[in-house]
């Protein structure tokens, strides 16, 4: 492409915005990052349990079509709890739609078969497990995923207590024991990366940098 691509970033919580915007600025400064935030999505998703409702799916899809009307060249989702809706959106539009953790999954599977993950938003856990299994099967990987939940971490982050959030994530990572790699599940969780790396001597992977690099590859390489 000879123009600056416009990438829409979909957020269901404000705490996901800063990490991916920083990654866009650092890794792809020529791209135009456009943010769409609907915090009600994460609030209502938390009340639904494991299954994503048709009502929330329709609300999510409407944002995707809003991005298309806004001349999106690509759509990058930063919330991990909307997997089925993301797949439907990808089938409905003609631009690349990147799931939050796809690129991080690729990197994790390249390190070995025993992968751990720390999650802070419990409703996202089932969909992430399903996505990891599907991606592993598609890739011919024998990788296994173990997910632990860091209780109260995201609540601390939403209250502005980044230190407590990072400490809780690191404690959960220690509890995973020795793994080939540990993934920090959400875009917001990437804030804890350095604290986790100081606590566990193994490969720690985060979503924002991986996702931005993958989207850049898809757009510039035309691989969609």
Protein backbone atom coordinates (compact mmCIF):
# COMPACT_ATOMS: atom_id res chain seq x y z
CA UNK A 1 0.00 0.00 0.00
CA UNK A 2 1.18 3.47 -0.80
CA UNK A 3 -1.12 5.21 1.68
CA UNK A 4 -1.27 5.25 5.44
CA UNK A 5 -3.64 2.43 6.45
CA UNK A 6 -6.48 3.10 8.87
CA UNK A 7 -6.72 0.48 11.61
CA UNK A 8 -9.73 0.42 13.90
CA UNK A 9 -9.01 -0.76 17.44
CA UNK A 10 -12.05 -2.18 19.23
CA UNK A 11 -12.07 -1.90 23.03
CA UNK A 12 -14.63 -3.21 25.52
CA UNK A 13 -12.74 -1.68 28.45
CA UNK A 14 -10.62 1.48 28.74
CA UNK A 15 -7.72 -0.41 30.36
CA UNK A 16 -7.00 -2.15 27.04
CA UNK A 17 -6.46 1.07 25.11
CA UNK A 18 -3.09 2.35 26.30
CA UNK A 19 -1.06 -0.83 25.66
CA UNK A 20 -2.14 -1.32 22.06
CA UNK A 21 -1.98 2.39 21.21
CA UNK A 22 1.62 2.37 22.48
CA UNK A 23 2.36 -0.68 20.32
CA UNK A 24 0.85 1.01 17.26
CA UNK A 25 2.95 4.10 17.87
CA UNK A 26 6.16 2.13 18.40
CA UNK A 27 5.79 -0.55 15.74
CA UNK A 28 3.62 1.03 13.05
CA UNK A 29 3.70 4.82 13.38
CA UNK A 30 2.66 5.40 9.77
CA UNK A 31 -0.70 3.70 10.35
CA UNK A 32 -3.69 5.69 11.58
CA UNK A 33 -5.06 4.12 14.75
CA UNK A 34 -8.76 4.81 15.34
CA UNK A 35 -10.23 3.78 18.69
CA UNK A 36 -13.78 2.54 19.28
CA UNK A 37 -14.68 2.01 22.93
CA UNK A 38 -17.93 0.56 24.23
CA UNK A 39 -17.39 -0.21 27.91
CA UNK A 40 -20.93 -1.53 28.25
CA UNK A 41 -19.85 -4.61 26.29
CA UNK A 42 -17.48 -5.82 29.00
CA UNK A 43 -19.90 -4.88 31.78
CA UNK A 44 -22.73 -6.88 30.20
CA UNK A 45 -20.41 -9.71 29.12
CA UNK A 46 -19.30 -10.19 32.73
CA UNK A 47 -22.91 -10.80 33.68
CA UNK A 48 -23.54 -13.48 31.07
CA UNK A 49 -21.27 -16.28 32.25
CA UNK A 50 -19.56 -18.51 29.73
CA UNK A 51 -21.90 -18.12 26.73
CA UNK A 52 -21.92 -15.02 24.55
CA UNK A 53 -25.51 -13.93 23.88
CA UNK A 54 -26.94 -13.11 20.48
CA UNK A 55 -27.81 -9.63 21.75
CA UNK A 56 -24.20 -8.82 22.66
CA UNK A 57 -23.02 -10.37 19.42
CA UNK A 58 -25.26 -8.04 17.41
CA UNK A 59 -23.98 -5.03 19.35
CA UNK A 60 -20.41 -6.11 18.64
CA UNK A 61 -21.10 -6.64 14.94
CA UNK A 62 -22.63 -3.18 14.65
CA UNK A 63 -19.29 -1.70 15.70
CA UNK A 64 -17.57 -3.69 12.98
CA UNK A 65 -19.86 -2.32 10.31
CA UNK A 66 -19.35 1.16 11.76
CA UNK A 67 -15.61 0.68 11.18
CA UNK A 68 -16.22 -0.38 7.58
CA UNK A 69 -18.29 2.76 7.03
CA UNK A 70 -15.32 4.65 8.46
CA UNK A 71 -12.99 3.26 5.76
CA UNK A 72 -11.20 0.70 7.93
CA UNK A 73 -8.31 -1.14 6.30
CA UNK A 74 -8.15 -3.55 9.24
CA UNK A 75 -9.89 -4.20 12.56
CA UNK A 76 -7.96 -5.28 15.65
CA UNK A 77 -9.98 -6.50 18.63
CA UNK A 78 -8.47 -5.94 22.07
CA UNK A 79 -11.02 -7.82 24.22
CA UNK A 80 -10.65 -11.59 24.59
CA UNK A 81 -14.25 -12.39 25.58
CA UNK A 82 -15.95 -12.03 22.19
CA UNK A 83 -14.43 -14.85 20.14
CA UNK A 84 -17.63 -16.07 18.39
CA UNK A 85 -18.62 -12.51 17.49
CA UNK A 86 -15.16 -11.80 16.08
CA UNK A 87 -15.40 -14.85 13.83
CA UNK A 88 -18.78 -13.71 12.54
CA UNK A 89 -17.49 -10.23 11.89
CA UNK A 90 -14.52 -11.62 9.97
CA UNK A 91 -16.92 -13.53 7.73
CA UNK A 92 -19.05 -10.45 7.08
CA UNK A 93 -16.41 -7.87 6.10
CA UNK A 94 -13.72 -7.70 3.43
CA UNK A 95 -10.84 -6.43 5.57
CA UNK A 96 -8.64 -8.41 7.98
CA UNK A 97 -10.14 -8.83 11.44
CA UNK A 98 -7.55 -9.92 13.97
CA UNK A 99 -8.52 -11.82 17.10
CA UNK A 100 -6.75 -10.49 20.20
CA UNK A 101 -4.48 -13.44 20.92
CA UNK A 102 -3.92 -15.11 17.55
CA UNK A 103 -0.43 -13.66 17.06
CA UNK A 104 0.58 -14.38 20.66
CA UNK A 105 -0.62 -17.97 20.26
CA UNK A 106 1.67 -18.34 17.24
CA UNK A 107 4.65 -17.11 19.23
CA UNK A 108 3.85 -19.33 22.22
CA UNK A 109 3.54 -22.49 20.14
CA UNK A 110 6.93 -21.77 18.61
CA UNK A 111 8.52 -22.09 22.09
CA UNK A 112 7.21 -25.57 22.91
CA UNK A 113 4.13 -27.61 23.80
CA UNK A 114 3.56 -26.72 27.47
CA UNK A 115 2.03 -23.25 27.56
CA UNK A 116 0.61 -21.33 30.52
CA UNK A 117 -1.62 -18.28 30.55
CA UNK A 118 -2.63 -15.77 33.23
CA UNK A 119 -6.11 -14.28 32.79
CA UNK A 120 -7.66 -11.45 34.76
CA UNK A 121 -11.15 -11.37 33.15
CA UNK A 122 -12.83 -14.67 34.00
CA UNK A 123 -15.57 -14.60 31.30
CA UNK A 124 -12.87 -14.69 28.61
CA UNK A 125 -11.24 -17.92 29.81
CA UNK A 126 -13.50 -20.45 28.07
CA UNK A 127 -13.38 -18.69 24.71
CA UNK A 128 -9.59 -18.34 24.88
CA UNK A 129 -9.19 -22.03 25.67
CA UNK A 130 -11.39 -22.90 22.70
CA UNK A 131 -9.48 -20.54 20.41
CA UNK A 132 -6.13 -21.96 21.50
CA UNK A 133 -7.24 -25.55 20.88
CA UNK A 134 -8.64 -24.64 17.47
CA UNK A 135 -5.51 -22.76 16.48
CA UNK A 136 -3.26 -25.59 17.68
CA UNK A 137 -5.26 -28.12 15.66
CA UNK A 138 -5.16 -25.90 12.59
CA UNK A 139 -1.41 -25.46 12.97
CA UNK A 140 -0.73 -29.13 13.61
CA UNK A 141 0.66 -28.28 17.04
CA UNK A 142 0.50 -30.56 20.09
CA UNK A 143 0.63 -27.56 22.43
CA UNK A 144 -1.34 -27.75 25.68
CA UNK A 145 -2.68 -24.71 27.50
CA UNK A 146 -3.14 -24.25 31.25
CA UNK A 147 -4.93 -21.06 32.32
CA UNK A 148 -4.96 -19.55 35.80
CA UNK A 149 -7.09 -16.64 36.94
CA UNK A 150 -5.51 -13.74 38.85
CA UNK A 151 -8.40 -12.76 41.15
CA UNK A 152 -9.16 -9.06 41.67
CA UNK A 153 -6.32 -8.00 39.38
CA UNK A 154 -8.43 -6.29 36.74
CA UNK A 155 -10.56 -4.67 39.42
CA UNK A 156 -7.38 -3.15 40.90
CA UNK A 157 -6.36 -1.90 37.47
CA UNK A 158 -9.74 -0.29 36.88
CA UNK A 159 -9.31 1.56 40.20
CA UNK A 160 -5.90 2.82 39.08
CA UNK A 161 -3.84 0.51 41.30
CA UNK A 162 -1.43 -0.76 38.65
CA UNK A 163 1.07 -2.02 41.23
CA UNK A 164 -1.46 -4.35 42.87
CA UNK A 165 -2.65 -5.54 39.46
CA UNK A 166 0.90 -6.39 38.43
CA UNK A 167 1.63 -8.15 41.73
CA UNK A 168 -1.45 -10.34 41.45
CA UNK A 169 -0.64 -11.28 37.86
CA UNK A 170 2.92 -12.19 38.84
CA UNK A 171 1.70 -14.32 41.76
CA UNK A 172 -0.61 -16.21 39.41
CA UNK A 173 2.25 -16.71 36.95
CA UNK A 174 4.45 -18.18 39.69
CA UNK A 175 1.64 -20.61 40.47
CA UNK A 176 1.81 -22.01 36.94
CA UNK A 177 5.23 -23.51 37.66
CA UNK A 178 7.70 -24.25 34.88
CA UNK A 179 6.31 -23.86 31.35
CA UNK A 180 7.79 -23.40 27.90
CA UNK A 181 6.12 -19.98 27.84
CA UNK A 182 3.57 -17.99 29.81
CA UNK A 183 1.12 -15.71 28.02
CA UNK A 184 -0.52 -12.69 29.63
CA UNK A 185 -4.04 -13.15 28.37
CA UNK A 186 -5.39 -9.66 27.78
CA UNK A 187 -4.11 -6.45 26.27
CA UNK A 188 -4.54 -4.79 29.66
CA UNK A 189 -2.47 -7.53 31.34
CA UNK A 190 0.63 -6.56 29.36
CA UNK A 191 1.28 -3.83 31.93
CA UNK A 192 2.46 -6.58 34.28
CA UNK A 193 5.04 -8.02 31.87
CA UNK A 194 8.17 -6.72 33.58
CA UNK A 195 6.91 -7.67 37.06
CA UNK A 196 6.14 -11.18 35.81
CA UNK A 197 9.53 -11.49 34.10
CA UNK A 198 11.21 -10.57 37.37
CA UNK A 199 9.26 -13.29 39.18
CA UNK A 200 9.50 -16.21 36.75
CA UNK A 201 12.60 -17.14 34.68
CA UNK A 202 10.88 -18.15 31.45
CA UNK A 203 9.49 -16.71 28.21
CA UNK A 204 6.69 -14.20 28.89
CA UNK A 205 4.50 -13.19 25.96
CA UNK A 206 2.09 -10.28 25.65
CA UNK A 207 -0.65 -9.60 23.12
CA UNK A 208 -0.32 -5.97 21.92
CA UNK A 209 3.08 -6.07 20.20
CA UNK A 210 2.35 -9.46 18.65
CA UNK A 211 -1.05 -8.34 17.37
CA UNK A 212 0.18 -5.08 15.85
CA UNK A 213 3.06 -6.83 14.10
CA UNK A 214 0.64 -9.43 12.70
CA UNK A 215 -1.85 -6.83 11.48
CA UNK A 216 0.97 -4.90 9.79
CA UNK A 217 2.05 -8.10 8.06
CA UNK A 218 -1.50 -8.80 6.88
CA UNK A 219 -2.03 -5.30 5.52
CA UNK A 220 1.36 -4.71 3.91
CA UNK A 221 1.70 -8.28 2.67
CA UNK A 222 -1.86 -8.50 1.40
CA UNK A 223 -2.14 -11.86 3.12
CA UNK A 224 -5.87 -11.79 3.58
